[in-house]
Amino acid sequence: MKNIFILGAGMVGSAMAFDLAKKHNVTVADLSDNALEKIKNKNFRISTLQLNAIDKELLAAAITPFDIVLCAVPGFMGFETLKTIIETGKNVVDISFFPENSLKLDALAKQKGVVAIVDCGVAPGMDNLILGYHNEKMNLTDFECLVGGLLCLKLKNGRLIIKPHFLLLMLLRNILALHAM
């Protein structure tokens, strides 16, 4: 059983938390008390922490006791948040698509002995990694990626609103299994 820190309590962060809490100790951090309360109401076993991830010292202190960090912050926060996580020496899976070049953090990750899997959404993300792997092993001429998602169903003013969001839980299970080896 791993101690997992999930940064971000939005649709994807909360979905990861609910799934991973079945077999691991999970703490979810977010600035929004409302988002954290929704998680606690659905699963009392998940610990929550109100945290402003822009404060690098608070973030570093919060993640220190955990085995792995999953970063699901908005893209504008992604690069600096990832940098702080790596500087703290924590392995991380990041799904925050950000405009900065994540390879600029490669030397830092190597120096800290950290595994940082970045831009690891479903598509783009994992499909790119899978395609790259198989393209090295065989001569691919075509690739088609069909992506499912996590639906949010809400009733607002008598109307059903459907919001699709990507589900990354299979990926995270595999990464945790590799990390345990």
Protein backbone atom coordinates (compact mmCIF):
# COMPACT_ATOMS: atom_id res chain seq x y z
CA MET A 1 0.00 0.00 0.00
CA LYS A 2 1.47 3.33 -1.12
CA ASN A 3 0.98 6.79 0.31
CA ILE A 4 -0.16 8.87 -2.64
CA PHE A 5 -0.47 12.65 -2.82
CA ILE A 6 -2.79 14.00 -5.50
CA LEU A 7 -2.45 17.67 -6.24
CA GLY A 8 -5.74 18.89 -7.68
CA ALA A 9 -9.29 17.95 -6.68
CA GLY A 10 -11.00 18.62 -9.98
CA MET A 11 -12.72 16.04 -12.17
CA VAL A 12 -9.55 14.10 -13.01
CA GLY A 13 -7.79 14.48 -9.66
CA SER A 14 -10.87 13.33 -7.76
CA ALA A 15 -11.44 10.37 -10.11
CA MET A 16 -7.84 9.26 -9.55
CA ALA A 17 -8.31 9.62 -5.80
CA PHE A 18 -11.49 7.53 -5.67
CA ASP A 19 -9.93 4.71 -7.65
CA LEU A 20 -6.55 4.69 -5.92
CA ALA A 21 -8.10 4.90 -2.44
CA LYS A 22 -9.42 1.36 -2.93
CA LYS A 23 -5.88 0.00 -2.39
CA HIS A 24 -3.74 2.91 -1.21
CA ASN A 25 -3.61 5.74 1.31
CA VAL A 26 -4.58 8.85 -0.62
CA THR A 27 -4.39 12.52 0.27
CA VAL A 28 -5.85 15.10 -2.10
CA ALA A 29 -4.80 18.75 -1.94
CA ASP A 30 -6.48 21.71 -3.57
CA LEU A 31 -7.09 25.38 -2.91
CA SER A 32 -10.85 24.88 -3.13
CA ASP A 33 -12.54 23.85 0.12
CA ASN A 34 -15.66 23.07 -1.91
CA ALA A 35 -13.85 20.56 -4.15
CA LEU A 36 -12.22 18.90 -1.14
CA GLU A 37 -15.53 18.67 0.71
CA LYS A 38 -17.10 16.86 -2.26
CA ILE A 39 -14.32 14.27 -2.10
CA LYS A 40 -14.71 13.77 1.66
CA ASN A 41 -18.48 13.38 1.25
CA LYS A 42 -17.99 10.60 -1.29
CA ASN A 43 -15.13 8.78 0.44
CA PHE A 44 -14.25 9.48 4.07
CA ARG A 45 -11.05 7.38 3.77
CA ILE A 46 -9.46 9.98 1.50
CA SER A 47 -7.57 12.64 3.43
CA THR A 48 -7.82 16.21 2.18
CA LEU A 49 -5.63 19.25 2.57
CA GLN A 50 -6.35 22.81 1.57
CA LEU A 51 -3.16 23.99 -0.12
CA ASN A 52 -2.04 26.81 -2.36
CA ALA A 53 0.37 24.94 -4.65
CA ILE A 54 1.86 28.21 -5.88
CA ASP A 55 3.55 28.52 -2.46
CA LYS A 56 6.61 26.36 -3.12
CA GLU A 57 7.60 25.97 0.54
CA LEU A 58 4.12 24.81 1.56
CA LEU A 59 3.96 22.41 -1.38
CA ALA A 60 7.37 20.91 -0.63
CA ALA A 61 6.47 20.41 3.04
CA ALA A 62 3.11 18.84 2.15
CA ILE A 63 4.49 16.23 -0.28
CA THR A 64 7.57 15.20 1.72
CA PRO A 65 6.01 12.20 3.56
CA PHE A 66 4.46 10.65 0.43
CA ASP A 67 5.72 7.89 -1.88
CA ILE A 68 4.52 9.45 -5.13
CA VAL A 69 2.83 12.64 -6.29
CA LEU A 70 0.18 12.87 -9.00
CA CYS A 71 -0.07 16.39 -10.35
CA ALA A 72 -3.40 17.49 -11.83
CA VAL A 73 -3.14 21.26 -11.63
CA PRO A 74 -4.19 23.75 -14.32
CA GLY A 75 -1.69 24.15 -17.16
CA PHE A 76 -0.61 27.66 -16.16
CA MET A 77 0.70 26.20 -12.88
CA GLY A 78 2.08 22.98 -14.30
CA PHE A 79 5.75 23.70 -15.00
CA GLU A 80 6.60 25.48 -11.74
CA THR A 81 4.61 22.95 -9.70
CA LEU A 82 6.40 20.06 -11.41
CA LYS A 83 9.75 21.75 -10.78
CA THR A 84 8.97 22.08 -7.06
CA ILE A 85 7.92 18.43 -6.85
CA ILE A 86 11.16 17.32 -8.52
CA GLU A 87 13.26 19.63 -6.31
CA THR A 88 11.64 17.95 -3.30
CA GLY A 89 12.88 14.58 -4.60
CA LYS A 90 9.49 13.01 -5.25
CA ASN A 91 8.56 10.71 -8.13
CA VAL A 92 5.71 12.31 -10.04
CA VAL A 93 3.14 11.65 -12.73
CA ASP A 94 1.94 14.91 -14.22
CA ILE A 95 -1.15 15.39 -16.36
CA SER A 96 -0.99 19.21 -16.48
CA PHE A 97 -0.41 20.18 -20.08
CA PHE A 98 1.75 23.30 -19.96
CA PRO A 99 3.43 25.35 -22.69
CA GLU A 100 6.94 25.25 -21.22
CA ASN A 101 9.37 22.56 -22.38
CA SER A 102 9.35 19.85 -19.70
CA LEU A 103 12.76 18.61 -20.92
CA LYS A 104 14.25 21.67 -19.21
CA LEU A 105 13.63 19.74 -15.97
CA ASP A 106 15.43 16.59 -17.14
CA ALA A 107 18.82 17.42 -15.59
CA LEU A 108 17.16 18.36 -12.29
CA ALA A 109 15.18 15.10 -12.22
CA LYS A 110 18.34 13.09 -12.90
CA GLN A 111 20.24 15.01 -10.22
CA LYS A 112 17.48 14.32 -7.68
CA GLY A 113 17.04 10.67 -8.77
CA VAL A 114 13.40 11.35 -9.59
CA VAL A 115 11.17 9.66 -12.14
CA ALA A 116 8.96 12.35 -13.67
CA ILE A 117 6.37 11.23 -16.19
CA VAL A 118 4.99 14.39 -17.76
CA ASP A 119 2.17 15.32 -20.13
CA CYS A 120 0.67 12.03 -19.17
CA GLY A 121 -2.94 12.55 -20.06
CA VAL A 122 -4.65 10.04 -22.27
CA ALA A 123 -4.50 11.84 -25.61
CA PRO A 124 -2.23 13.54 -26.14
CA GLY A 125 -0.12 11.80 -23.59
CA MET A 126 -0.10 8.04 -23.11
CA ASP A 127 -1.02 7.40 -26.73
CA ASN A 128 2.16 9.24 -27.78
CA LEU A 129 4.27 7.07 -25.45
CA ILE A 130 2.64 3.85 -26.61
CA LEU A 131 2.97 4.82 -30.25
CA GLY A 132 6.62 5.77 -29.80
CA TYR A 133 7.40 2.47 -28.09
CA HIS A 134 5.73 0.34 -30.73
CA ASN A 135 7.18 2.39 -33.57
CA GLU A 136 10.66 1.52 -32.25
CA LYS A 137 9.78 -2.20 -32.18
CA MET A 138 8.07 -2.45 -35.57
CA ASN A 139 7.51 -0.40 -38.68
CA LEU A 140 4.16 1.29 -38.11
CA THR A 141 2.42 2.98 -41.00
CA ASP A 142 -0.86 3.93 -39.30
CA PHE A 143 -2.05 4.71 -35.81
CA GLU A 144 -5.56 5.40 -34.57
CA CYS A 145 -6.31 6.44 -31.02
CA LEU A 146 -9.89 6.17 -29.77
CA VAL A 147 -10.24 7.92 -26.43
CA GLY A 148 -12.94 7.35 -23.87
CA GLY A 149 -13.59 9.59 -20.96
CA LEU A 150 -15.08 10.22 -17.57
CA LEU A 151 -18.50 11.78 -17.79
CA CYS A 152 -19.92 14.29 -15.39
CA LEU A 153 -23.70 14.31 -15.45
CA LYS A 154 -25.49 17.24 -13.89
CA LEU A 155 -29.03 18.47 -13.90
CA LYS A 156 -29.17 22.26 -14.16
CA ASN A 157 -32.43 24.15 -14.56
CA GLY A 158 -34.14 20.97 -15.74
CA ARG A 159 -31.48 20.33 -18.39
CA LEU A 160 -28.99 17.45 -18.40
CA ILE A 161 -25.44 18.70 -18.82
CA ILE A 162 -22.77 16.19 -19.83
CA LYS A 163 -19.09 17.06 -19.46
CA PRO A 164 -16.54 14.49 -20.70
CA HIS A 165 -13.20 14.23 -18.87
CA PHE A 166 -10.32 11.81 -19.42
CA LEU A 167 -9.84 8.88 -17.11
CA LEU A 168 -6.22 7.98 -16.26
CA LEU A 169 -6.71 5.28 -13.69
CA MET A 170 -5.39 2.36 -15.73
CA LEU A 171 -2.20 4.30 -16.36
CA LEU A 172 -1.74 5.10 -12.69
CA ARG A 173 -2.29 1.49 -11.62
CA ASN A 174 0.43 0.40 -14.05
CA ILE A 175 2.84 3.09 -12.89
CA LEU A 176 2.28 2.17 -9.24
CA ALA A 177 2.84 -1.49 -10.07
CA LEU A 178 6.15 -0.62 -11.76
CA HIS A 179 7.13 1.62 -8.85
CA ALA A 180 6.55 -1.27 -6.42
CA MET A 181 9.03 -3.50 -8.26
